[in-house]
Protein backbone atom coordinates (compact mmCIF):
# COMPACT_ATOMS: atom_id res chain seq x y z
CA MET A 1 167.64 -136.71 -52.59
CA THR A 2 169.77 -134.24 -54.57
CA GLN A 3 170.80 -135.05 -58.08
CA GLU A 4 174.42 -134.15 -58.91
CA THR A 5 174.95 -132.94 -62.45
CA THR A 6 178.22 -132.46 -64.18
CA GLY A 7 178.84 -129.29 -66.11
CA THR A 8 178.00 -125.61 -65.38
CA ASN A 9 175.04 -124.87 -63.25
CA ARG A 10 173.50 -121.62 -62.23
CA ARG A 11 175.47 -121.29 -59.01
CA ASN A 12 178.78 -121.76 -60.77
CA PHE A 13 177.77 -119.24 -63.51
CA LEU A 14 176.83 -116.63 -60.82
CA LYS A 15 180.18 -117.16 -59.07
CA LEU A 16 182.03 -116.71 -62.32
CA ALA A 17 179.97 -113.58 -63.36
CA GLY A 18 180.53 -112.02 -59.90
CA THR A 19 184.34 -112.28 -60.22
CA ALA A 20 184.56 -111.62 -63.96
CA ALA A 21 182.64 -108.26 -63.87
CA PRO A 22 185.09 -106.46 -61.50
CA ALA A 23 188.01 -107.77 -63.49
CA ALA A 24 186.54 -106.48 -66.66
CA ALA A 25 185.91 -103.03 -65.05
CA VAL A 26 189.59 -102.89 -63.91
CA ALA A 27 190.75 -103.76 -67.38
CA VAL A 28 188.62 -101.05 -69.00
CA ALA A 29 189.72 -98.41 -66.38
CA THR A 30 193.43 -99.14 -66.93
CA VAL A 31 193.24 -99.23 -70.72
CA GLY A 32 191.43 -95.89 -71.21
CA THR A 33 193.42 -92.97 -72.44
CA SER A 34 192.82 -89.33 -71.60
CA ALA A 35 192.14 -86.93 -74.45
CA GLU A 36 191.54 -83.14 -74.60
CA ALA A 37 187.93 -81.98 -75.35
CA GLN A 38 187.42 -80.12 -78.58
CA THR A 39 186.19 -76.51 -78.88
CA VAL A 40 182.43 -76.09 -78.96
CA ASP A 41 180.74 -75.65 -82.40
CA LEU A 42 177.57 -73.77 -81.69
CA GLN A 43 176.21 -74.30 -85.30
CA SER A 44 176.36 -78.10 -85.02
CA GLU A 45 173.26 -80.21 -84.26
CA THR A 46 175.19 -83.15 -82.88
CA MET A 47 176.30 -83.70 -79.35
CA GLN A 48 179.53 -81.80 -78.60
CA ASP A 49 182.75 -83.35 -77.37
CA THR A 50 183.19 -81.07 -74.25
CA ALA A 51 184.63 -81.57 -70.79
CA HIS A 52 181.06 -81.82 -69.50
CA THR A 53 180.18 -84.74 -71.78
CA ARG A 54 183.53 -86.50 -71.04
CA ALA A 55 182.82 -86.22 -67.34
CA TYR A 56 179.32 -87.69 -67.82
CA PHE A 57 180.66 -90.57 -69.86
CA GLU A 58 183.36 -91.26 -67.21
CA SER A 59 180.76 -91.33 -64.48
CA ALA A 60 178.47 -93.64 -66.45
CA ARG A 61 181.14 -96.16 -67.31
CA PHE A 62 180.67 -99.50 -65.64
């Protein structure tokens, strides 16, 4: 009744994706380096590199 196919199917892809994503997250977490935030320039129109923005980016990393 079932037809066997050789090659990658959806189930194998999902198994691989489920194990590869945590491994990639661990690799990114260990490679990241810590840097000091710059002083705030109130005259600038762009987003500032502050401790607050760094904390946001750290929490948003996935």
